[in-house]
Amino acid sequence: MKHKPLIIDCEGLSQKRIGELADELDLLFRDVAVRGESIIVQTALSKGHYEQAIETIERYGVRISPL
């Protein structure tokens, strides 16, 4: 199952926390890019990694949108 790329709106997080989230997501996706207060992720390593990423993103309390 192929998942759509996601854009994560990190408004309200410090740059340090955005970096920490990006680092965690980098272990789960092949492509992770930080753009100001947003993180764009593409190509999860597996379905399990995608599901783990959703849980991680929710833990940070930020919004997720399809790209």
Protein backbone atom coordinates (compact mmCIF):
# COMPACT_ATOMS: atom_id res chain seq x y z
CA MET A 1 0.00 0.00 0.00
CA LYS A 2 1.48 3.31 -1.06
CA HIS A 3 0.91 6.30 1.20
CA LYS A 4 0.67 9.89 0.04
CA PRO A 5 3.38 12.33 1.07
CA LEU A 6 2.47 14.29 4.19
CA ILE A 7 3.00 17.86 5.26
CA ILE A 8 3.27 18.35 9.01
CA ASP A 9 2.35 21.80 10.32
CA CYS A 10 4.64 22.39 13.29
CA GLU A 11 3.32 25.86 14.15
CA GLY A 12 3.87 26.50 17.83
CA LEU A 13 6.88 24.19 18.17
CA SER A 14 10.36 25.58 18.74
CA GLN A 15 12.98 25.02 16.05
CA LYS A 16 14.63 22.54 18.42
CA ARG A 17 11.41 20.48 18.73
CA ILE A 18 10.85 20.65 14.96
CA GLY A 19 14.38 19.29 14.50
CA GLU A 20 13.74 16.51 17.02
CA LEU A 21 10.55 15.49 15.22
CA ALA A 22 12.32 15.57 11.85
CA ASP A 23 15.09 13.37 13.27
CA GLU A 24 12.54 10.82 14.51
CA LEU A 25 10.75 10.84 11.16
CA ASP A 26 14.04 10.42 9.33
CA LEU A 27 14.21 6.90 10.80
CA LEU A 28 10.80 6.08 9.28
CA PHE A 29 10.84 7.77 5.86
CA ARG A 30 13.31 7.93 2.99
CA ASP A 31 12.64 11.63 2.33
CA VAL A 32 12.26 14.20 5.13
CA ALA A 33 12.53 17.95 4.51
CA VAL A 34 12.13 20.80 7.01
CA ARG A 35 10.67 23.98 5.50
CA GLY A 36 10.35 26.65 8.19
CA GLU A 37 7.54 25.50 10.49
CA SER A 38 6.63 22.53 8.26
CA ILE A 39 8.07 19.09 7.69
CA ILE A 40 7.40 17.24 4.44
CA VAL A 41 7.79 13.46 4.46
CA GLN A 42 7.64 11.03 1.55
CA THR A 43 8.19 7.31 1.02
CA ALA A 44 7.72 5.48 4.30
CA LEU A 45 10.07 2.54 4.71
CA SER A 46 7.05 0.24 5.28
CA LYS A 47 3.40 0.29 6.32
CA GLY A 48 4.50 -0.30 9.91
CA HIS A 49 6.88 2.65 9.72
CA TYR A 50 4.07 4.84 8.34
CA GLU A 51 1.78 3.89 11.24
CA GLN A 52 4.58 4.51 13.74
CA ALA A 53 5.18 7.93 12.16
CA ILE A 54 1.52 8.89 12.59
CA GLU A 55 1.75 7.99 16.29
CA THR A 56 4.97 10.00 16.63
CA ILE A 57 3.48 13.04 14.91
CA GLU A 58 0.37 12.89 17.10
CA ARG A 59 2.57 12.73 20.20
CA TYR A 60 4.02 16.12 19.23
CA GLY A 61 0.49 17.57 18.97
CA VAL A 62 0.90 18.95 15.44
CA ARG A 63 -1.40 18.76 12.41
CA ILE A 64 -0.95 16.44 9.43
CA SER A 65 -2.18 17.12 5.89
CA PRO A 66 -1.73 15.15 2.67
CA LEU A 67 0.63 16.88 0.24
